[in-house]
Amino acid sequence: MKLRKEEKDQLSEAIDQMNESLDRFIEFYNESEDDKPIISFNDEVIQLIEAGKQKYGEDALNQKINSIVKEVLSFISSGDEE
């Protein structure tokens, strides 16, 4: 393949950029961790959550669930202090 100097320089620069990008992807992969759920819900609860998302919207349901969990965990925390 015959290239002019300008084309060869552009190709070389493109290859360098691709190598840098590949190195960054490899770095991301090497730094990745397993995504473990904080809480494992059973199938029945998952179905109820999905139904709640449909009925009230995901944001509203997330807010409600977070409020409930926070309330429950605050009782656990205050119970440990007694």
PDB file of N, CA and C in Angstrom:
ATOM      1  N   MET A   1       0.850  -1.163   0.000  1.00  0.00           N
ATOM      2  CA  MET A   1       0.000   0.000   0.000  1.00  0.00           C
ATOM      3  C   MET A   1       0.903   1.235   0.000  1.00  0.00           C
ATOM      4  N   LYS A   2       0.647   2.129  -0.892  1.00  0.00           N
ATOM      5  CA  LYS A   2       1.452   3.342  -0.985  1.00  0.00           C
ATOM      6  C   LYS A   2       0.729   4.475  -0.270  1.00  0.00           C
ATOM      7  N   LEU A   3       1.490   5.197   0.561  1.00  0.00           N
ATOM      8  CA  LEU A   3       0.933   6.314   1.313  1.00  0.00           C
ATOM      9  C   LEU A   3       1.839   7.527   1.186  1.00  0.00           C
ATOM     10  N   ARG A   4       1.204   8.673   1.143  1.00  0.00           N
ATOM     11  CA  ARG A   4       1.985   9.896   1.222  1.00  0.00           C
ATOM     12  C   ARG A   4       2.376  10.098   2.680  1.00  0.00           C
ATOM     13  N   LYS A   5       3.369  10.945   2.931  1.00  0.00           N
ATOM     14  CA  LYS A   5       3.846  11.173   4.296  1.00  0.00           C
ATOM     15  C   LYS A   5       2.706  11.642   5.192  1.00  0.00           C
ATOM     16  N   GLU A   6       1.884  12.552   4.689  1.00  0.00           N
ATOM     17  CA  GLU A   6       0.759  13.069   5.473  1.00  0.00           C
ATOM     18  C   GLU A   6      -0.211  11.943   5.843  1.00  0.00           C
ATOM     19  N   GLU A   7      -0.523  11.074   4.900  1.00  0.00           N
ATOM     20  CA  GLU A   7      -1.423   9.942   5.163  1.00  0.00           C
ATOM     21  C   GLU A   7      -0.796   8.976   6.160  1.00  0.00           C
ATOM     22  N   LYS A   8       0.491   8.741   6.008  1.00  0.00           N
ATOM     23  CA  LYS A   8       1.189   7.828   6.917  1.00  0.00           C
ATOM     24  C   LYS A   8       1.182   8.389   8.337  1.00  0.00           C
ATOM     25  N   ASP A   9       1.405   9.695   8.471  1.00  0.00           N
ATOM     26  CA  ASP A   9       1.377  10.329   9.792  1.00  0.00           C
ATOM     27  C   ASP A   9      -0.015  10.245  10.411  1.00  0.00           C
ATOM     28  N   GLN A  10      -1.051  10.487   9.599  1.00  0.00           N
ATOM     29  CA  GLN A  10      -2.425  10.401  10.096  1.00  0.00           C
ATOM     30  C   GLN A  10      -2.753   8.979  10.534  1.00  0.00           C
ATOM     31  N   LEU A  11      -2.327   8.016   9.749  1.00  0.00           N
ATOM     32  CA  LEU A  11      -2.571   6.616  10.087  1.00  0.00           C
ATOM     33  C   LEU A  11      -1.835   6.244  11.366  1.00  0.00           C
ATOM     34  N   SER A  12      -0.616   6.691  11.495  1.00  0.00           N
ATOM     35  CA  SER A  12       0.173   6.413  12.697  1.00  0.00           C
ATOM     36  C   SER A  12      -0.491   7.020  13.931  1.00  0.00           C
ATOM     37  N   GLU A  13      -0.983   8.252  13.799  1.00  0.00           N
ATOM     38  CA  GLU A  13      -1.659   8.909  14.914  1.00  0.00           C
ATOM     39  C   GLU A  13      -2.943   8.167  15.283  1.00  0.00           C
ATOM     40  N   ALA A  14      -3.690   7.731  14.285  1.00  0.00           N
ATOM     41  CA  ALA A  14      -4.927   6.980  14.539  1.00  0.00           C
ATOM     42  C   ALA A  14      -4.626   5.671  15.262  1.00  0.00           C
ATOM     43  N   ILE A  15      -3.561   4.994  14.853  1.00  0.00           N
ATOM     44  CA  ILE A  15      -3.172   3.735  15.505  1.00  0.00           C
ATOM     45  C   ILE A  15      -2.774   4.001  16.948  1.00  0.00           C
ATOM     46  N   ASP A  16      -2.020   5.074  17.192  1.00  0.00           N
ATOM     47  CA  ASP A  16      -1.630   5.427  18.561  1.00  0.00           C
ATOM     48  C   ASP A  16      -2.856   5.690  19.432  1.00  0.00           C
ATOM     49  N   GLN A  17      -3.834   6.408  18.889  1.00  0.00           N
ATOM     50  CA  GLN A  17      -5.060   6.690  19.639  1.00  0.00           C
ATOM     51  C   GLN A  17      -5.832   5.408  19.935  1.00  0.00           C
ATOM     52  N   MET A  18      -5.881   4.510  18.969  1.00  0.00           N
ATOM     53  CA  MET A  18      -6.566   3.227  19.179  1.00  0.00           C
ATOM     54  C   MET A  18      -5.859   2.423  20.261  1.00  0.00           C
ATOM     55  N   ASN A  19      -4.536   2.418  20.256  1.00  0.00           N
ATOM     56  CA  ASN A  19      -3.782   1.694  21.279  1.00  0.00           C
ATOM     57  C   ASN A  19      -4.018   2.288  22.661  1.00  0.00           C
ATOM     58  N   GLU A  20      -4.049   3.624  22.754  1.00  0.00           N
ATOM     59  CA  GLU A  20      -4.332   4.270  24.034  1.00  0.00           C
ATOM     60  C   GLU A  20      -5.726   3.896  24.524  1.00  0.00           C
ATOM     61  N   SER A  21      -6.694   3.898  23.617  1.00  0.00           N
ATOM     62  CA  SER A  21      -8.065   3.535  23.987  1.00  0.00           C
ATOM     63  C   SER A  21      -8.142   2.087  24.435  1.00  0.00           C
ATOM     64  N   LEU A  22      -7.469   1.210  23.728  1.00  0.00           N
ATOM     65  CA  LEU A  22      -7.459  -0.200  24.107  1.00  0.00           C
ATOM     66  C   LEU A  22      -6.822  -0.377  25.479  1.00  0.00           C
ATOM     67  N   ASP A  23      -5.732   0.330  25.733  1.00  0.00           N
ATOM     68  CA  ASP A  23      -5.095   0.267  27.052  1.00  0.00           C
ATOM     69  C   ASP A  23      -6.056   0.716  28.140  1.00  0.00           C
ATOM     70  N   ARG A  24      -6.846   1.762  27.865  1.00  0.00           N
ATOM     71  CA  ARG A  24      -7.811   2.262  28.849  1.00  0.00           C
ATOM     72  C   ARG A  24      -8.912   1.233  29.091  1.00  0.00           C
ATOM     73  N   PHE A  25      -9.402   0.575  28.044  1.00  0.00           N
ATOM     74  CA  PHE A  25     -10.405  -0.484  28.211  1.00  0.00           C
ATOM     75  C   PHE A  25      -9.848  -1.630  29.043  1.00  0.00           C
ATOM     76  N   ILE A  26      -8.621  -2.005  28.789  1.00  0.00           N
ATOM     77  CA  ILE A  26      -7.985  -3.080  29.561  1.00  0.00           C
ATOM     78  C   ILE A  26      -7.864  -2.665  31.020  1.00  0.00           C
ATOM     79  N   GLU A  27      -7.514  -1.410  31.252  1.00  0.00           N
ATOM     80  CA  GLU A  27      -7.412  -0.895  32.619  1.00  0.00           C
ATOM     81  C   GLU A  27      -8.769  -0.939  33.314  1.00  0.00           C
ATOM     82  N   PHE A  28      -9.832  -0.508  32.612  1.00  0.00           N
ATOM     83  CA  PHE A  28     -11.183  -0.593  33.181  1.00  0.00           C
ATOM     84  C   PHE A  28     -11.530  -2.031  33.543  1.00  0.00           C
ATOM     85  N   TYR A  29     -11.233  -2.954  32.652  1.00  0.00           N
ATOM     86  CA  TYR A  29     -11.533  -4.369  32.892  1.00  0.00           C
ATOM     87  C   TYR A  29     -10.777  -4.871  34.112  1.00  0.00           C
ATOM     88  N   ASN A  30      -9.502  -4.560  34.188  1.00  0.00           N
ATOM     89  CA  ASN A  30      -8.682  -5.046  35.299  1.00  0.00           C
ATOM     90  C   ASN A  30      -9.108  -4.459  36.637  1.00  0.00           C
ATOM     91  N   GLU A  31      -9.668  -3.252  36.627  1.00  0.00           N
ATOM     92  CA  GLU A  31     -10.110  -2.607  37.858  1.00  0.00           C
ATOM     93  C   GLU A  31     -11.552  -2.950  38.217  1.00  0.00           C
ATOM     94  N   SER A  32     -12.243  -3.661  37.348  1.00  0.00           N
ATOM     95  CA  SER A  32     -13.657  -3.950  37.582  1.00  0.00           C
ATOM     96  C   SER A  32     -13.832  -4.922  38.743  1.00  0.00           C
ATOM     97  N   GLU A  33     -14.993  -4.815  39.370  1.00  0.00           N
ATOM     98  CA  GLU A  33     -15.347  -5.683  40.488  1.00  0.00           C
ATOM     99  C   GLU A  33     -16.683  -6.346  40.178  1.00  0.00           C
ATOM    100  N   ASP A  34     -16.955  -7.442  40.855  1.00  0.00           N
ATOM    101  CA  ASP A  34     -18.250  -8.094  40.697  1.00  0.00           C
ATOM    102  C   ASP A  34     -19.336  -7.200  41.284  1.00  0.00           C
ATOM    103  N   ASP A  35     -20.449  -7.108  40.590  1.00  0.00           N
ATOM    104  CA  ASP A  35     -21.582  -6.330  41.064  1.00  0.00           C
ATOM    105  C   ASP A  35     -22.454  -7.244  41.908  1.00  0.00           C
ATOM    106  N   LYS A  36     -22.357  -7.076  43.217  1.00  0.00           N
ATOM    107  CA  LYS A  36     -23.134  -7.910  44.132  1.00  0.00           C
ATOM    108  C   LYS A  36     -24.296  -7.089  44.669  1.00  0.00           C
ATOM    109  N   PRO A  37     -25.511  -7.622  44.589  1.00  0.00           N
ATOM    110  CA  PRO A  37     -26.653  -6.874  45.116  1.00  0.00           C
ATOM    111  C   PRO A  37     -26.550  -6.719  46.631  1.00  0.00           C
ATOM    112  N   ILE A  38     -26.992  -5.573  47.130  1.00  0.00           N
ATOM    113  CA  ILE A  38     -26.969  -5.331  48.569  1.00  0.00           C
ATOM    114  C   ILE A  38     -27.983  -6.230  49.259  1.00  0.00           C
ATOM    115  N   ILE A  39     -29.145  -6.354  48.644  1.00  0.00           N
ATOM    116  CA  ILE A  39     -30.217  -7.196  49.188  1.00  0.00           C
ATOM    117  C   ILE A  39     -30.684  -8.131  48.082  1.00  0.00           C
ATOM    118  N   SER A  40     -30.866  -9.394  48.409  1.00  0.00           N
ATOM    119  CA  SER A  40     -31.395 -10.357  47.440  1.00  0.00           C
ATOM    120  C   SER A  40     -32.888 -10.527  47.698  1.00  0.00           C
ATOM    121  N   PHE A  41     -33.686 -10.103  46.740  1.00  0.00           N
ATOM    122  CA  PHE A  41     -35.131 -10.236  46.868  1.00  0.00           C
ATOM    123  C   PHE A  41     -35.580 -11.568  46.290  1.00  0.00           C
ATOM    124  N   ASN A  42     -36.628 -12.156  46.901  1.00  0.00           N
ATOM    125  CA  ASN A  42     -37.178 -13.382  46.329  1.00  0.00           C
ATOM    126  C   ASN A  42     -38.078 -13.023  45.148  1.00  0.00           C
ATOM    127  N   ASP A  43     -38.499 -14.021  44.403  1.00  0.00           N
ATOM    128  CA  ASP A  43     -39.268 -13.796  43.171  1.00  0.00           C
ATOM    129  C   ASP A  43     -40.566 -13.030  43.409  1.00  0.00           C
ATOM    130  N   GLU A  44     -41.244 -13.342  44.509  1.00  0.00           N
ATOM    131  CA  GLU A  44     -42.515 -12.669  44.802  1.00  0.00           C
ATOM    132  C   GLU A  44     -42.295 -11.170  45.008  1.00  0.00           C
ATOM    133  N   VAL A  45     -41.251 -10.812  45.745  1.00  0.00           N
ATOM    134  CA  VAL A  45     -40.960  -9.397  45.999  1.00  0.00           C
ATOM    135  C   VAL A  45     -40.550  -8.700  44.704  1.00  0.00           C
ATOM    136  N   ILE A  46     -39.786  -9.375  43.880  1.00  0.00           N
ATOM    137  CA  ILE A  46     -39.375  -8.794  42.594  1.00  0.00           C
ATOM    138  C   ILE A  46     -40.599  -8.495  41.734  1.00  0.00           C
ATOM    139  N   GLN A  47     -41.563  -9.415  41.713  1.00  0.00           N
ATOM    140  CA  GLN A  47     -42.790  -9.183  40.942  1.00  0.00           C
ATOM    141  C   GLN A  47     -43.564  -7.983  41.484  1.00  0.00           C
ATOM    142  N   LEU A  48     -43.613  -7.856  42.812  1.00  0.00           N
ATOM    143  CA  LEU A  48     -44.305  -6.715  43.415  1.00  0.00           C
ATOM    144  C   LEU A  48     -43.582  -5.401  43.101  1.00  0.00           C
ATOM    145  N   ILE A  49     -42.272  -5.428  43.120  1.00  0.00           N
ATOM    146  CA  ILE A  49     -41.493  -4.231  42.777  1.00  0.00           C
ATOM    147  C   ILE A  49     -41.765  -3.824  41.330  1.00  0.00           C
ATOM    148  N   GLU A  50     -41.745  -4.799  40.429  1.00  0.00           N
ATOM    149  CA  GLU A  50     -42.008  -4.505  39.013  1.00  0.00           C
ATOM    150  C   GLU A  50     -43.412  -3.933  38.826  1.00  0.00           C
ATOM    151  N   ALA A  51     -44.384  -4.491  39.537  1.00  0.00           N
ATOM    152  CA  ALA A  51     -45.756  -3.974  39.452  1.00  0.00           C
ATOM    153  C   ALA A  51     -45.822  -2.552  40.002  1.00  0.00           C
ATOM    154  N   GLY A  52     -45.111  -2.304  41.086  1.00  0.00           N
ATOM    155  CA  GLY A  52     -45.065  -0.958  41.664  1.00  0.00           C
ATOM    156  C   GLY A  52     -44.433   0.051  40.719  1.00  0.00           C
ATOM    157  N   LYS A  53     -43.396  -0.372  40.005  1.00  0.00           N
ATOM    158  CA  LYS A  53     -42.757   0.515  39.018  1.00  0.00           C
ATOM    159  C   LYS A  53     -43.760   0.912  37.941  1.00  0.00           C
ATOM    160  N   GLN A  54     -44.534  -0.077  37.478  1.00  0.00           N
ATOM    161  CA  GLN A  54     -45.526   0.185  36.431  1.00  0.00           C
ATOM    162  C   GLN A  54     -46.611   1.146  36.928  1.00  0.00           C
ATOM    163  N   LYS A  55     -47.037   0.950  38.164  1.00  0.00           N
ATOM    164  CA  LYS A  55     -48.164   1.724  38.685  1.00  0.00           C
ATOM    165  C   LYS A  55     -47.757   3.130  39.126  1.00  0.00           C
ATOM    166  N   TYR A  56     -46.628   3.251  39.847  1.00  0.00           N
ATOM    167  CA  TYR A  56     -46.251   4.528  40.451  1.00  0.00           C
ATOM    168  C   TYR A  56     -45.042   5.197  39.800  1.00  0.00           C
ATOM    169  N   GLY A  57     -44.330   4.464  38.951  1.00  0.00           N
ATOM    170  CA  GLY A  57     -43.107   4.996  38.352  1.00  0.00           C
ATOM    171  C   GLY A  57     -41.896   4.583  39.173  1.00  0.00           C
ATOM    172  N   GLU A  58     -40.786   4.412  38.498  1.00  0.00           N
ATOM    173  CA  GLU A  58     -39.580   3.904  39.155  1.00  0.00           C
ATOM    174  C   GLU A  58     -39.055   4.861  40.223  1.00  0.00           C
ATOM    175  N   ASP A  59     -39.033   6.157  39.927  1.00  0.00           N
ATOM    176  CA  ASP A  59     -38.500   7.120  40.896  1.00  0.00           C
ATOM    177  C   ASP A  59     -39.322   7.147  42.180  1.00  0.00           C
ATOM    178  N   ALA A  60     -40.635   7.191  42.040  1.00  0.00           N
ATOM    179  CA  ALA A  60     -41.506   7.232  43.216  1.00  0.00           C
ATOM    180  C   ALA A  60     -41.355   5.961  44.041  1.00  0.00           C
ATOM    181  N   LEU A  61     -41.287   4.825  43.370  1.00  0.00           N
ATOM    182  CA  LEU A  61     -41.145   3.558  44.087  1.00  0.00           C
ATOM    183  C   LEU A  61     -39.787   3.489  44.789  1.00  0.00           C
ATOM    184  N   ASN A  62     -38.737   3.924  44.116  1.00  0.00           N
ATOM    185  CA  ASN A  62     -37.408   3.939  44.741  1.00  0.00           C
ATOM    186  C   ASN A  62     -37.405   4.795  46.002  1.00  0.00           C
ATOM    187  N   GLN A  63     -38.062   5.949  45.936  1.00  0.00           N
ATOM    188  CA  GLN A  63     -38.151   6.820  47.104  1.00  0.00           C
ATOM    189  C   GLN A  63     -38.862   6.124  48.258  1.00  0.00           C
ATOM    190  N   LYS A  64     -39.976   5.482  47.960  1.00  0.00           N
ATOM    191  CA  LYS A  64     -40.746   4.789  49.002  1.00  0.00           C
ATOM    192  C   LYS A  64     -39.929   3.655  49.622  1.00  0.00           C
ATOM    193  N   ILE A  65     -39.316   2.838  48.780  1.00  0.00           N
ATOM    194  CA  ILE A  65     -38.526   1.706  49.287  1.00  0.00           C
ATOM    195  C   ILE A  65     -37.368   2.216  50.134  1.00  0.00           C
ATOM    196  N   ASN A  66     -36.687   3.263  49.678  1.00  0.00           N
ATOM    197  CA  ASN A  66     -35.580   3.824  50.450  1.00  0.00           C
ATOM    198  C   ASN A  66     -36.053   4.350  51.799  1.00  0.00           C
ATOM    199  N   SER A  67     -37.215   4.995  51.831  1.00  0.00           N
ATOM    200  CA  SER A  67     -37.762   5.502  53.091  1.00  0.00           C
ATOM    201  C   SER A  67     -38.067   4.366  54.055  1.00  0.00           C
ATOM    202  N   ILE A  68     -38.675   3.309  53.533  1.00  0.00           N
ATOM    203  CA  ILE A  68     -39.028   2.161  54.375  1.00  0.00           C
ATOM    204  C   ILE A  68     -37.771   1.486  54.916  1.00  0.00           C
ATOM    205  N   VAL A  69     -36.803   1.238  54.058  1.00  0.00           N
ATOM    206  CA  VAL A  69     -35.563   0.578  54.486  1.00  0.00           C
ATOM    207  C   VAL A  69     -34.835   1.445  55.508  1.00  0.00           C
ATOM    208  N   LYS A  70     -34.787   2.741  55.267  1.00  0.00           N
ATOM    209  CA  LYS A  70     -34.132   3.658  56.207  1.00  0.00           C
ATOM    210  C   LYS A  70     -34.812   3.594  57.570  1.00  0.00           C
ATOM    211  N   GLU A  71     -36.143   3.583  57.572  1.00  0.00           N
ATOM    212  CA  GLU A  71     -36.892   3.521  58.826  1.00  0.00           C
ATOM    213  C   GLU A  71     -36.596   2.216  59.571  1.00  0.00           C
ATOM    214  N   VAL A  72     -36.616   1.101  58.861  1.00  0.00           N
ATOM    215  CA  VAL A  72     -36.339  -0.203  59.480  1.00  0.00           C
ATOM    216  C   VAL A  72     -34.925  -0.232  60.042  1.00  0.00           C
ATOM    217  N   LEU A  73     -33.973   0.231  59.264  1.00  0.00           N
ATOM    218  CA  LEU A  73     -32.580   0.194  59.717  1.00  0.00           C
ATOM    219  C   LEU A  73     -32.322   1.165  60.862  1.00  0.00           C
ATOM    220  N   SER A  74     -33.072   2.250  60.942  1.00  0.00           N
ATOM    221  CA  SER A  74     -32.903   3.165  62.074  1.00  0.00           C
ATOM    222  C   SER A  74     -33.376   2.498  63.363  1.00  0.00           C
ATOM    223  N   PHE A  75     -34.420   1.659  63.295  1.00  0.00           N
ATOM    224  CA  PHE A  75     -34.853   0.908  64.473  1.00  0.00           C
ATOM    225  C   PHE A  75     -33.792  -0.096  64.893  1.00  0.00           C
ATOM    226  N   ILE A  76     -33.177  -0.741  63.930  1.00  0.00           N
ATOM    227  CA  ILE A  76     -32.120  -1.709  64.231  1.00  0.00           C
ATOM    228  C   ILE A  76     -30.953  -1.006  64.903  1.00  0.00           C
ATOM    229  N   SER A  77     -30.557   0.136  64.377  1.00  0.00           N
ATOM    230  CA  SER A  77     -29.440   0.895  64.938  1.00  0.00           C
ATOM    231  C   SER A  77     -29.752   1.369  66.344  1.00  0.00           C
ATOM    232  N   SER A  78     -30.956   1.890  66.568  1.00  0.00           N
ATOM    233  CA  SER A  78     -31.309   2.375  67.902  1.00  0.00           C
ATOM    234  C   SER A  78     -31.481   1.215  68.873  1.00  0.00           C
ATOM    235  N   GLY A  79     -31.885   0.042  68.393  1.00  0.00           N
ATOM    236  CA  GLY A  79     -32.017  -1.136  69.245  1.00  0.00           C
ATOM    237  C   GLY A  79     -30.681  -1.658  69.721  1.00  0.00           C
ATOM    238  N   ASP A  80     -29.624  -1.475  68.928  1.00  0.00           N
ATOM    239  CA  ASP A  80     -28.285  -1.914  69.310  1.00  0.00           C
ATOM    240  C   ASP A  80     -27.697  -1.055  70.412  1.00  0.00           C
ATOM    241  N   GLU A  81     -28.132   0.196  70.514  1.00  0.00           N
ATOM    242  CA  GLU A  81     -27.578   1.116  71.497  1.00  0.00           C
ATOM    243  C   GLU A  81     -28.151   0.881  72.879  1.00  0.00           C
ATOM    244  N   GLU A  82     -29.294   0.233  72.966  1.00  0.00           N
ATOM    245  CA  GLU A  82     -29.961   0.033  74.259  1.00  0.00           C
ATOM    246  C   GLU A  82     -29.328  -1.038  75.080  1.00  0.00           C
TER     247      GLU A  82
END
